[in-house]
Amino acid sequence: MQFRLRVIAASSLSALIALSVVWELWLAPLKPGGSLMALKALPLAMPLGGILKGRRYTYQWSSMLILAYLAEGVTRAWAEGGASRSLAVVEIVLSAVFFAAAVSYARLTRGAA
């Protein structure tokens, strides 16, 4: 079960990083030609190493970090239309999946820490 949660968390985090970059540079940037909003992927890259190694502390603090991306997705899904709305819904799903996997992993490994 722990391995499955680690795979789910790492996959959803990696997909969210890729989505953030592709969204803001090519698919639906705020400005034509790309946007510096692609830099929003950098904070997501910080916990990736710890997530891949299964570090419980990284799962704990990254579960709080991901809530900012969940909030951004909800805001943009509500405020924007077209491709941006669809991408925002994907961001919401990936953020929620990561959050659930990270919290579940941290809870499951509570006794081991």
Protein backbone atom coordinates (compact mmCIF):
# COMPACT_ATOMS: atom_id res chain seq x y z
CA MET A 1 0.00 0.00 0.00
CA GLN A 2 2.83 2.39 0.84
CA PHE A 3 4.45 1.83 -2.53
CA ARG A 4 1.17 2.41 -4.35
CA LEU A 5 0.64 5.73 -2.51
CA ARG A 6 4.20 6.80 -3.31
CA VAL A 7 3.63 6.06 -7.01
CA ILE A 8 0.33 7.94 -7.03
CA ALA A 9 1.84 10.94 -5.24
CA ALA A 10 4.94 11.06 -7.45
CA SER A 11 2.90 10.64 -10.63
CA SER A 12 0.36 13.31 -9.79
CA LEU A 13 3.08 15.74 -8.66
CA SER A 14 5.10 15.15 -11.84
CA ALA A 15 2.00 15.59 -13.98
CA LEU A 16 1.15 18.81 -12.14
CA ILE A 17 4.65 20.18 -12.76
CA ALA A 18 4.37 19.35 -16.47
CA LEU A 19 0.86 20.80 -16.65
CA SER A 20 1.98 24.06 -15.05
CA VAL A 21 4.81 24.56 -17.53
CA VAL A 22 2.88 23.52 -20.64
CA TRP A 23 -0.22 25.49 -19.64
CA GLU A 24 1.59 28.77 -19.10
CA LEU A 25 4.00 28.51 -22.02
CA TRP A 26 1.99 26.92 -24.84
CA LEU A 27 -1.57 25.77 -24.23
CA ALA A 28 -3.27 28.82 -22.70
CA PRO A 29 -0.72 31.40 -21.49
CA LEU A 30 -1.86 34.63 -19.91
CA LYS A 31 0.14 36.53 -22.54
CA PRO A 32 0.73 35.47 -26.15
CA GLY A 33 4.08 33.74 -26.49
CA GLY A 34 4.20 32.45 -22.93
CA SER A 35 4.05 33.79 -19.45
CA LEU A 36 6.31 33.95 -16.42
CA MET A 37 3.49 32.18 -14.61
CA ALA A 38 5.29 29.01 -15.72
CA LEU A 39 7.59 29.66 -12.78
CA LYS A 40 4.78 28.45 -10.55
CA ALA A 41 6.12 24.96 -11.27
CA LEU A 42 9.33 25.64 -9.34
CA PRO A 43 7.86 25.25 -5.83
CA LEU A 44 6.34 21.96 -6.97
CA ALA A 45 9.78 20.68 -7.97
CA MET A 46 11.20 21.22 -4.47
CA PRO A 47 9.49 18.24 -2.80
CA LEU A 48 9.88 15.86 -5.76
CA GLY A 49 13.11 14.27 -4.48
CA GLY A 50 11.69 13.61 -1.02
CA ILE A 51 8.47 12.28 -2.49
CA LEU A 52 10.38 9.83 -4.67
CA LYS A 53 12.47 8.70 -1.67
CA GLY A 54 9.42 8.26 0.55
CA ARG A 55 10.38 10.83 3.19
CA ARG A 56 7.42 11.22 5.51
CA TYR A 57 8.27 14.82 6.45
CA THR A 58 8.25 15.83 2.77
CA TYR A 59 4.82 14.26 2.35
CA GLN A 60 3.58 16.24 5.34
CA TRP A 61 4.73 19.71 4.27
CA SER A 62 4.05 19.21 0.56
CA SER A 63 0.44 18.33 1.38
CA MET A 64 0.11 21.90 2.67
CA LEU A 65 1.95 23.37 -0.35
CA ILE A 66 -0.38 21.65 -2.80
CA LEU A 67 -3.40 23.43 -1.34
CA ALA A 68 -2.23 26.67 -3.00
CA TYR A 69 -2.41 24.93 -6.39
CA LEU A 70 -5.81 23.51 -5.57
CA ALA A 71 -7.00 27.03 -4.73
CA GLU A 72 -5.51 28.41 -7.95
CA GLY A 73 -7.26 25.71 -9.96
CA VAL A 74 -10.62 26.43 -8.34
CA THR A 75 -10.20 30.18 -8.87
CA ARG A 76 -9.19 29.85 -12.51
CA ALA A 77 -11.89 27.27 -13.26
CA TRP A 78 -14.46 29.69 -11.90
CA ALA A 79 -13.05 32.89 -13.46
CA GLU A 80 -11.76 31.80 -16.86
CA GLY A 81 -13.26 30.05 -19.84
CA GLY A 82 -12.20 27.87 -22.73
CA ALA A 83 -8.95 25.96 -22.55
CA SER A 84 -7.90 27.63 -19.31
CA ARG A 85 -11.01 26.35 -17.56
CA SER A 86 -10.35 22.79 -18.73
CA LEU A 87 -6.71 22.98 -17.66
CA ALA A 88 -7.78 24.37 -14.29
CA VAL A 89 -10.06 21.37 -13.77
CA VAL A 90 -7.11 19.07 -14.51
CA GLU A 91 -5.06 21.06 -11.99
CA ILE A 92 -7.80 20.59 -9.39
CA VAL A 93 -7.91 16.84 -9.97
CA LEU A 94 -4.13 16.40 -9.86
CA SER A 95 -3.84 18.54 -6.73
CA ALA A 96 -6.61 16.63 -4.98
CA VAL A 97 -5.10 13.27 -5.93
CA PHE A 98 -1.67 14.34 -4.67
CA PHE A 99 -3.15 15.70 -1.44
CA ALA A 100 -5.07 12.49 -0.75
CA ALA A 101 -2.05 10.30 -1.51
CA ALA A 102 0.34 12.44 0.55
CA VAL A 103 -1.92 12.59 3.58
CA SER A 104 -2.66 8.87 3.35
CA TYR A 105 1.05 8.04 3.09
CA ALA A 106 1.94 10.27 6.03
CA ARG A 107 -0.82 8.71 8.11
CA LEU A 108 0.11 5.16 7.09
CA THR A 109 3.78 5.66 7.99
CA ARG A 110 3.02 7.43 11.28
CA GLY A 111 4.21 4.53 13.43
CA ALA A 112 7.38 4.03 11.42
CA ALA A 113 8.72 7.55 11.95
